[in-house]
Amino acid sequence: MPPPPAARAKLLDAFVTILLEQGERAATLDAVAAAAGVSKGGLLYHFPSKDALVEGLADHVEELAAGDAALMRDAPEGPAAYYIRTSVYADTPLDRAIIATTRLSQNAIPRARLALTRISQGWMDVLADTVTDPATARAVMLIGDGLYYSAAMSGER
């Protein structure tokens, strides 16, 4: 088994891939371990239950989104333009993790819904710092979200 950080990352990546390609029902602990090339014991070392795996993914996607929010805050063109410009599906680790978390959220998994809410709020907080009108900041979010949704559902980049 690879060192713990590598194994944990492989397990989360396998979980994301199964969620994207086969859905939440197929994302069993056995399937995730097999897809990651890790023993079930190795998986259980990092994620002792499916709930722990969901928690790990939620933490991971929140960390990725926080990094994106930091880039957004420091973007030379400003946060609003950055948000619109990057509202495309580019099959990045963040994109994949967001869509996988969305799949879990659609199955009424509270931790997934919380992660998506926190991500959205993080981006809104950055926008609100520079777009002083709350309605305009919300409009920017909705435009970006619509562009992202359209690109993610059509497969366009």
C-alpha atoms as a PDB file:
ATOM      1  CA  MET A   1       0.000   0.000   0.000  1.00  0.00           C
ATOM      2  CA  PRO A   2       1.330   3.512  -0.811  1.00  0.00           C
ATOM      3  CA  PRO A   3       2.208   5.865   2.051  1.00  0.00           C
ATOM      4  CA  PRO A   4      -0.909   7.175   3.838  1.00  0.00           C
ATOM      5  CA  PRO A   5      -1.303  10.546   2.041  1.00  0.00           C
ATOM      6  CA  ALA A   6      -0.987   8.886  -1.365  1.00  0.00           C
ATOM      7  CA  ALA A   7      -3.382   6.093  -0.414  1.00  0.00           C
ATOM      8  CA  ARG A   8      -5.928   8.560   0.966  1.00  0.00           C
ATOM      9  CA  ALA A   9      -5.762  10.649  -2.213  1.00  0.00           C
ATOM     10  CA  LYS A  10      -6.100   7.520  -4.378  1.00  0.00           C
ATOM     11  CA  LEU A  11      -9.155   6.447  -2.388  1.00  0.00           C
ATOM     12  CA  LEU A  12     -10.833   9.844  -2.721  1.00  0.00           C
ATOM     13  CA  ASP A  13     -10.048   9.928  -6.440  1.00  0.00           C
ATOM     14  CA  ALA A  14     -11.505   6.434  -6.879  1.00  0.00           C
ATOM     15  CA  PHE A  15     -14.623   7.466  -4.929  1.00  0.00           C
ATOM     16  CA  VAL A  16     -15.045  10.526  -7.156  1.00  0.00           C
ATOM     17  CA  THR A  17     -14.573   8.471 -10.331  1.00  0.00           C
ATOM     18  CA  ILE A  18     -17.153   5.891  -9.291  1.00  0.00           C
ATOM     19  CA  LEU A  19     -19.632   8.613  -8.327  1.00  0.00           C
ATOM     20  CA  LEU A  20     -19.158  10.310 -11.694  1.00  0.00           C
ATOM     21  CA  GLU A  21     -19.244   7.193 -13.849  1.00  0.00           C
ATOM     22  CA  GLN A  22     -21.609   4.872 -12.000  1.00  0.00           C
ATOM     23  CA  GLY A  23     -23.430   6.831  -9.320  1.00  0.00           C
ATOM     24  CA  GLU A  24     -23.707   6.708  -5.569  1.00  0.00           C
ATOM     25  CA  ARG A  25     -25.121   3.166  -5.317  1.00  0.00           C
ATOM     26  CA  ALA A  26     -22.056   1.721  -7.030  1.00  0.00           C
ATOM     27  CA  ALA A  27     -19.684   3.570  -4.700  1.00  0.00           C
ATOM     28  CA  THR A  28     -19.425   0.825  -2.095  1.00  0.00           C
ATOM     29  CA  LEU A  29     -16.385   0.513   0.131  1.00  0.00           C
ATOM     30  CA  ASP A  30     -15.373  -2.649  -1.732  1.00  0.00           C
ATOM     31  CA  ALA A  31     -15.692  -0.904  -5.110  1.00  0.00           C
ATOM     32  CA  VAL A  32     -13.711   2.134  -3.948  1.00  0.00           C
ATOM     33  CA  ALA A  33     -10.927  -0.036  -2.525  1.00  0.00           C
ATOM     34  CA  ALA A  34     -10.740  -2.089  -5.724  1.00  0.00           C
ATOM     35  CA  ALA A  35     -10.750   0.986  -7.984  1.00  0.00           C
ATOM     36  CA  ALA A  36      -7.977   2.577  -5.903  1.00  0.00           C
ATOM     37  CA  GLY A  37      -5.911  -0.609  -5.916  1.00  0.00           C
ATOM     38  CA  VAL A  38      -5.952  -0.644  -2.131  1.00  0.00           C
ATOM     39  CA  SER A  39      -7.024  -3.454   0.178  1.00  0.00           C
ATOM     40  CA  LYS A  40     -10.313  -3.016   1.979  1.00  0.00           C
ATOM     41  CA  GLY A  41      -8.298  -2.896   5.216  1.00  0.00           C
ATOM     42  CA  GLY A  42      -6.270  -0.056   3.727  1.00  0.00           C
ATOM     43  CA  LEU A  43      -9.453   1.795   2.891  1.00  0.00           C
ATOM     44  CA  LEU A  44     -10.857   1.195   6.375  1.00  0.00           C
ATOM     45  CA  TYR A  45      -7.650   2.578   7.885  1.00  0.00           C
ATOM     46  CA  HIS A  46      -8.351   5.943   6.235  1.00  0.00           C
ATOM     47  CA  PHE A  47     -12.143   5.808   6.030  1.00  0.00           C
ATOM     48  CA  PRO A  48     -13.741   3.404   8.522  1.00  0.00           C
ATOM     49  CA  SER A  49     -17.203   3.795   6.953  1.00  0.00           C
ATOM     50  CA  LYS A  50     -18.935   5.179   3.898  1.00  0.00           C
ATOM     51  CA  ASP A  51     -19.955   8.176   5.997  1.00  0.00           C
ATOM     52  CA  ALA A  52     -16.262   8.803   6.716  1.00  0.00           C
ATOM     53  CA  LEU A  53     -15.540   8.569   2.986  1.00  0.00           C
ATOM     54  CA  VAL A  54     -18.282  11.127   2.287  1.00  0.00           C
ATOM     55  CA  GLU A  55     -16.828  13.346   5.022  1.00  0.00           C
ATOM     56  CA  GLY A  56     -13.381  12.995   3.450  1.00  0.00           C
ATOM     57  CA  LEU A  57     -14.713  13.999   0.036  1.00  0.00           C
ATOM     58  CA  ALA A  58     -16.635  16.929   1.522  1.00  0.00           C
ATOM     59  CA  ASP A  59     -13.525  18.179   3.311  1.00  0.00           C
ATOM     60  CA  HIS A  60     -11.485  17.705   0.138  1.00  0.00           C
ATOM     61  CA  VAL A  61     -13.883  19.621  -2.116  1.00  0.00           C
ATOM     62  CA  GLU A  62     -14.124  22.427   0.448  1.00  0.00           C
ATOM     63  CA  GLU A  63     -10.311  22.693   0.521  1.00  0.00           C
ATOM     64  CA  LEU A  64     -10.137  22.800  -3.283  1.00  0.00           C
ATOM     65  CA  ALA A  65     -12.852  25.453  -3.425  1.00  0.00           C
ATOM     66  CA  ALA A  66     -11.137  27.525  -0.731  1.00  0.00           C
ATOM     67  CA  GLY A  67      -8.031  27.530  -2.913  1.00  0.00           C
ATOM     68  CA  ASP A  68     -10.133  28.681  -5.842  1.00  0.00           C
ATOM     69  CA  ALA A  69     -11.706  31.428  -3.717  1.00  0.00           C
ATOM     70  CA  ALA A  70      -8.209  32.646  -2.828  1.00  0.00           C
ATOM     71  CA  LEU A  71      -7.317  32.774  -6.535  1.00  0.00           C
ATOM     72  CA  MET A  72     -10.581  34.586  -7.177  1.00  0.00           C
ATOM     73  CA  ARG A  73      -9.853  37.157  -4.463  1.00  0.00           C
ATOM     74  CA  ASP A  74      -6.413  37.918  -5.956  1.00  0.00           C
ATOM     75  CA  ALA A  75      -7.394  37.752  -9.635  1.00  0.00           C
ATOM     76  CA  PRO A  76      -6.009  40.713 -11.599  1.00  0.00           C
ATOM     77  CA  GLU A  77      -9.298  41.123 -13.476  1.00  0.00           C
ATOM     78  CA  GLY A  78     -11.267  41.144 -10.211  1.00  0.00           C
ATOM     79  CA  PRO A  79     -13.368  38.482  -8.505  1.00  0.00           C
ATOM     80  CA  ALA A  80     -16.516  38.944 -10.609  1.00  0.00           C
ATOM     81  CA  ALA A  81     -14.700  38.618 -13.930  1.00  0.00           C
ATOM     82  CA  TYR A  82     -12.685  35.665 -12.560  1.00  0.00           C
ATOM     83  CA  TYR A  83     -15.864  33.905 -11.414  1.00  0.00           C
ATOM     84  CA  ILE A  84     -17.535  34.306 -14.804  1.00  0.00           C
ATOM     85  CA  ARG A  85     -14.371  33.390 -16.742  1.00  0.00           C
ATOM     86  CA  THR A  86     -13.824  30.220 -14.729  1.00  0.00           C
ATOM     87  CA  SER A  87     -17.451  29.100 -14.765  1.00  0.00           C
ATOM     88  CA  VAL A  88     -16.697  26.292 -17.179  1.00  0.00           C
ATOM     89  CA  TYR A  89     -16.308  22.578 -16.673  1.00  0.00           C
ATOM     90  CA  ALA A  90     -12.660  21.778 -17.377  1.00  0.00           C
ATOM     91  CA  ASP A  91     -12.452  18.323 -15.748  1.00  0.00           C
ATOM     92  CA  THR A  92     -10.133  19.667 -13.043  1.00  0.00           C
ATOM     93  CA  PRO A  93      -9.922  18.000  -9.629  1.00  0.00           C
ATOM     94  CA  LEU A  94     -12.215  20.768  -8.324  1.00  0.00           C
ATOM     95  CA  ASP A  95     -14.741  20.212 -11.119  1.00  0.00           C
ATOM     96  CA  ARG A  96     -14.756  16.464 -10.584  1.00  0.00           C
ATOM     97  CA  ALA A  97     -15.107  16.823  -6.818  1.00  0.00           C
ATOM     98  CA  ILE A  98     -17.966  19.339  -7.151  1.00  0.00           C
ATOM     99  CA  ILE A  99     -19.929  17.110  -9.531  1.00  0.00           C
ATOM    100  CA  ALA A 100     -19.308  14.040  -7.344  1.00  0.00           C
ATOM    101  CA  THR A 101     -20.453  15.966  -4.261  1.00  0.00           C
ATOM    102  CA  THR A 102     -23.500  17.141  -6.193  1.00  0.00           C
ATOM    103  CA  ARG A 103     -24.350  13.501  -6.939  1.00  0.00           C
ATOM    104  CA  LEU A 104     -24.249  12.766  -3.216  1.00  0.00           C
ATOM    105  CA  SER A 105     -26.308  15.859  -2.465  1.00  0.00           C
ATOM    106  CA  GLN A 106     -28.983  14.711  -4.913  1.00  0.00           C
ATOM    107  CA  ASN A 107     -29.319  11.596  -2.747  1.00  0.00           C
ATOM    108  CA  ALA A 108     -30.062  13.794   0.277  1.00  0.00           C
ATOM    109  CA  ILE A 109     -26.713  13.281   2.006  1.00  0.00           C
ATOM    110  CA  PRO A 110     -26.544  16.189   4.459  1.00  0.00           C
ATOM    111  CA  ARG A 111     -22.726  16.501   4.552  1.00  0.00           C
ATOM    112  CA  ALA A 112     -22.613  16.833   0.771  1.00  0.00           C
ATOM    113  CA  ARG A 113     -25.273  19.542   0.851  1.00  0.00           C
ATOM    114  CA  LEU A 114     -23.370  21.357   3.573  1.00  0.00           C
ATOM    115  CA  ALA A 115     -20.143  21.252   1.553  1.00  0.00           C
ATOM    116  CA  LEU A 116     -21.869  22.715  -1.504  1.00  0.00           C
ATOM    117  CA  THR A 117     -23.473  25.437   0.620  1.00  0.00           C
ATOM    118  CA  ARG A 118     -20.109  26.332   2.173  1.00  0.00           C
ATOM    119  CA  ILE A 119     -18.427  26.451  -1.231  1.00  0.00           C
ATOM    120  CA  SER A 120     -21.083  28.734  -2.660  1.00  0.00           C
ATOM    121  CA  GLN A 121     -20.942  30.981   0.398  1.00  0.00           C
ATOM    122  CA  GLY A 122     -17.158  31.201   0.140  1.00  0.00           C
ATOM    123  CA  TRP A 123     -17.374  32.412  -3.434  1.00  0.00           C
ATOM    124  CA  MET A 124     -20.207  34.813  -2.514  1.00  0.00           C
ATOM    125  CA  ASP A 125     -18.141  36.247   0.326  1.00  0.00           C
ATOM    126  CA  VAL A 126     -15.329  37.059  -2.109  1.00  0.00           C
ATOM    127  CA  LEU A 127     -17.765  38.668  -4.547  1.00  0.00           C
ATOM    128  CA  ALA A 128     -19.450  40.671  -1.789  1.00  0.00           C
ATOM    129  CA  ASP A 129     -16.105  42.213  -0.854  1.00  0.00           C
ATOM    130  CA  THR A 130     -15.826  43.891  -4.271  1.00  0.00           C
ATOM    131  CA  VAL A 131     -19.354  43.951  -5.685  1.00  0.00           C
ATOM    132  CA  THR A 132     -21.011  46.142  -3.095  1.00  0.00           C
ATOM    133  CA  ASP A 133     -24.594  45.737  -4.317  1.00  0.00           C
ATOM    134  CA  PRO A 134     -25.863  42.390  -2.947  1.00  0.00           C
ATOM    135  CA  ALA A 135     -28.280  41.903  -5.864  1.00  0.00           C
ATOM    136  CA  THR A 136     -25.479  42.388  -8.380  1.00  0.00           C
ATOM    137  CA  ALA A 137     -23.202  39.985  -6.488  1.00  0.00           C
ATOM    138  CA  ARG A 138     -26.016  37.404  -6.483  1.00  0.00           C
ATOM    139  CA  ALA A 139     -26.585  37.975 -10.215  1.00  0.00           C
ATOM    140  CA  VAL A 140     -22.891  37.338 -10.906  1.00  0.00           C
ATOM    141  CA  MET A 141     -23.147  34.074  -8.916  1.00  0.00           C
ATOM    142  CA  LEU A 142     -26.248  32.989 -10.819  1.00  0.00           C
ATOM    143  CA  ILE A 143     -24.697  33.803 -14.198  1.00  0.00           C
ATOM    144  CA  GLY A 144     -21.554  31.860 -13.304  1.00  0.00           C
ATOM    145  CA  ASP A 145     -23.556  28.955 -11.901  1.00  0.00           C
ATOM    146  CA  GLY A 146     -25.692  28.820 -15.045  1.00  0.00           C
ATOM    147  CA  LEU A 147     -22.635  28.838 -17.294  1.00  0.00           C
ATOM    148  CA  TYR A 148     -21.005  26.097 -15.209  1.00  0.00           C
ATOM    149  CA  TYR A 149     -24.140  23.953 -15.149  1.00  0.00           C
ATOM    150  CA  SER A 150     -24.570  24.304 -18.902  1.00  0.00           C
ATOM    151  CA  ALA A 151     -20.952  23.387 -19.583  1.00  0.00           C
ATOM    152  CA  ALA A 152     -20.968  20.472 -17.122  1.00  0.00           C
ATOM    153  CA  MET A 153     -24.166  18.990 -18.535  1.00  0.00           C
ATOM    154  CA  SER A 154     -23.144  19.384 -22.173  1.00  0.00           C
ATOM    155  CA  GLY A 155     -19.544  18.266 -21.746  1.00  0.00           C
ATOM    156  CA  GLU A 156     -18.312  21.490 -23.390  1.00  0.00           C
ATOM    157  CA  ARG A 157     -15.140  23.109 -22.154  1.00  0.00           C
END
